């Protein structure tokens, strides 16, 4: 069972990443997550709405 709006969220995520190499996107997210954690914030990623 998927959450309501999960399909819309997936389409939005795909559009947001259009033209960006998946490896570059993953690296950028990881770097930003580490920056947040280094500044004392919560660097954990939220659970996926598509699960």
N, C-alpha and C. Protein backbone atom coordinates (compact mmCIF):
# COMPACT_ATOMS: atom_id res chain seq x y z
N UNK A 1 0.85 -1.18 0.00
CA UNK A 1 0.00 0.00 0.00
C UNK A 1 0.89 1.24 0.00
N UNK A 2 0.53 2.22 -0.80
CA UNK A 2 1.31 3.45 -0.86
C UNK A 2 0.53 4.59 -0.23
N UNK A 3 1.24 5.57 0.20
CA UNK A 3 0.61 6.73 0.82
C UNK A 3 -0.13 7.55 -0.23
N UNK A 4 -1.22 8.22 0.17
CA UNK A 4 -1.91 9.09 -0.78
C UNK A 4 -0.96 10.16 -1.31
N UNK A 5 -0.98 10.38 -2.60
CA UNK A 5 -0.11 11.39 -3.20
C UNK A 5 1.30 10.90 -3.50
N UNK A 6 1.57 9.63 -3.22
CA UNK A 6 2.93 9.12 -3.45
C UNK A 6 3.31 9.19 -4.93
N UNK A 7 2.35 8.93 -5.80
CA UNK A 7 2.62 9.02 -7.24
C UNK A 7 2.98 10.43 -7.65
N UNK A 8 2.27 11.41 -7.08
CA UNK A 8 2.56 12.81 -7.37
C UNK A 8 3.95 13.19 -6.85
N UNK A 9 4.30 12.70 -5.67
CA UNK A 9 5.62 12.99 -5.09
C UNK A 9 6.72 12.40 -5.97
N UNK A 10 6.49 11.21 -6.49
CA UNK A 10 7.49 10.57 -7.34
C UNK A 10 7.67 11.37 -8.62
N UNK A 11 6.59 11.80 -9.26
CA UNK A 11 6.69 12.60 -10.48
C UNK A 11 7.43 13.91 -10.21
N UNK A 12 7.13 14.54 -9.07
CA UNK A 12 7.82 15.79 -8.71
C UNK A 12 9.32 15.55 -8.53
N UNK A 13 9.67 14.46 -7.87
CA UNK A 13 11.08 14.14 -7.64
C UNK A 13 11.80 13.88 -8.97
N UNK A 14 11.14 13.20 -9.88
CA UNK A 14 11.76 12.93 -11.19
C UNK A 14 11.96 14.21 -11.97
N UNK A 15 11.01 15.12 -11.94
CA UNK A 15 11.16 16.40 -12.64
C UNK A 15 12.27 17.23 -12.02
N UNK A 16 12.33 17.21 -10.70
CA UNK A 16 13.33 18.01 -9.98
C UNK A 16 14.74 17.58 -10.37
N UNK A 17 14.93 16.28 -10.64
CA UNK A 17 16.26 15.74 -10.95
C UNK A 17 16.54 15.66 -12.44
N UNK A 18 15.62 16.11 -13.27
CA UNK A 18 15.78 16.00 -14.71
C UNK A 18 17.08 16.66 -15.17
N UNK A 19 17.87 15.92 -15.93
CA UNK A 19 19.12 16.45 -16.46
C UNK A 19 20.29 16.36 -15.50
N UNK A 20 20.08 15.83 -14.31
CA UNK A 20 21.15 15.71 -13.32
C UNK A 20 21.52 14.24 -13.21
N UNK A 21 22.80 13.95 -13.37
CA UNK A 21 23.28 12.59 -13.25
C UNK A 21 22.95 12.05 -11.85
N UNK A 22 22.39 10.84 -11.76
CA UNK A 22 22.02 10.30 -10.44
C UNK A 22 23.19 10.25 -9.45
N UNK A 23 24.38 9.97 -9.92
CA UNK A 23 25.53 9.93 -9.01
C UNK A 23 25.84 11.33 -8.48
N UNK A 24 25.73 12.35 -9.32
CA UNK A 24 25.96 13.73 -8.88
C UNK A 24 24.90 14.15 -7.87
N UNK A 25 23.66 13.77 -8.13
CA UNK A 25 22.57 14.11 -7.22
C UNK A 25 22.80 13.47 -5.85
N UNK A 26 23.15 12.19 -5.85
CA UNK A 26 23.38 11.47 -4.59
C UNK A 26 24.55 12.08 -3.82
N UNK A 27 25.61 12.45 -4.52
CA UNK A 27 26.77 13.06 -3.87
C UNK A 27 26.38 14.39 -3.24
N UNK A 28 25.62 15.19 -3.96
CA UNK A 28 25.21 16.50 -3.45
C UNK A 28 24.34 16.37 -2.21
N UNK A 29 23.39 15.44 -2.25
CA UNK A 29 22.52 15.22 -1.08
C UNK A 29 23.36 14.79 0.12
N UNK A 30 24.32 13.90 -0.11
CA UNK A 30 25.15 13.43 0.99
C UNK A 30 25.99 14.56 1.58
N UNK A 31 26.56 15.39 0.72
CA UNK A 31 27.37 16.52 1.21
C UNK A 31 26.50 17.48 2.01
N UNK A 32 25.33 17.82 1.51
CA UNK A 32 24.45 18.75 2.23
C UNK A 32 23.99 18.16 3.57
N UNK A 33 23.74 16.85 3.58
CA UNK A 33 23.34 16.18 4.82
C UNK A 33 24.46 16.28 5.86
N UNK A 34 25.70 16.09 5.40
CA UNK A 34 26.85 16.19 6.31
C UNK A 34 27.05 17.61 6.82
N UNK A 35 26.84 18.60 5.96
CA UNK A 35 26.96 20.00 6.38
C UNK A 35 25.95 20.30 7.49
N UNK A 36 24.72 19.87 7.28
CA UNK A 36 23.68 20.09 8.30
C UNK A 36 24.08 19.43 9.61
N UNK A 37 24.56 18.19 9.54
CA UNK A 37 24.97 17.47 10.75
C UNK A 37 26.16 18.17 11.43
N UNK A 38 27.11 18.64 10.63
CA UNK A 38 28.28 19.32 11.19
C UNK A 38 27.91 20.62 11.89
N UNK A 39 26.80 21.22 11.48
CA UNK A 39 26.35 22.46 12.11
C UNK A 39 25.42 22.21 13.28
N UNK A 40 25.26 20.94 13.65
CA UNK A 40 24.46 20.60 14.82
C UNK A 40 23.02 20.23 14.52
N UNK A 41 22.68 20.18 13.25
CA UNK A 41 21.31 19.82 12.89
C UNK A 41 21.14 18.32 12.73
N UNK A 42 19.94 17.92 12.36
CA UNK A 42 19.64 16.52 12.13
C UNK A 42 19.96 16.20 10.68
N UNK A 43 21.04 15.47 10.45
CA UNK A 43 21.47 15.12 9.10
C UNK A 43 20.86 13.84 8.59
N UNK A 44 19.97 13.22 9.38
CA UNK A 44 19.33 11.98 8.92
C UNK A 44 18.32 12.28 7.83
N UNK A 45 18.24 11.39 6.86
CA UNK A 45 17.26 11.56 5.79
C UNK A 45 15.91 11.02 6.27
N UNK A 46 14.81 11.67 5.86
CA UNK A 46 13.49 11.17 6.23
C UNK A 46 13.20 9.88 5.48
N UNK A 47 12.22 9.13 5.96
CA UNK A 47 11.84 7.93 5.24
C UNK A 47 11.14 8.33 3.96
N UNK A 48 11.22 7.48 2.96
CA UNK A 48 10.66 7.76 1.65
C UNK A 48 9.13 7.71 1.70
N UNK A 49 8.45 8.69 1.07
CA UNK A 49 6.99 8.65 1.03
C UNK A 49 6.48 7.59 0.06
N UNK A 50 7.36 7.03 -0.73
CA UNK A 50 6.96 6.05 -1.74
C UNK A 50 7.00 4.62 -1.22
N UNK A 51 7.33 4.41 0.04
CA UNK A 51 7.41 3.04 0.59
C UNK A 51 6.13 2.65 1.26
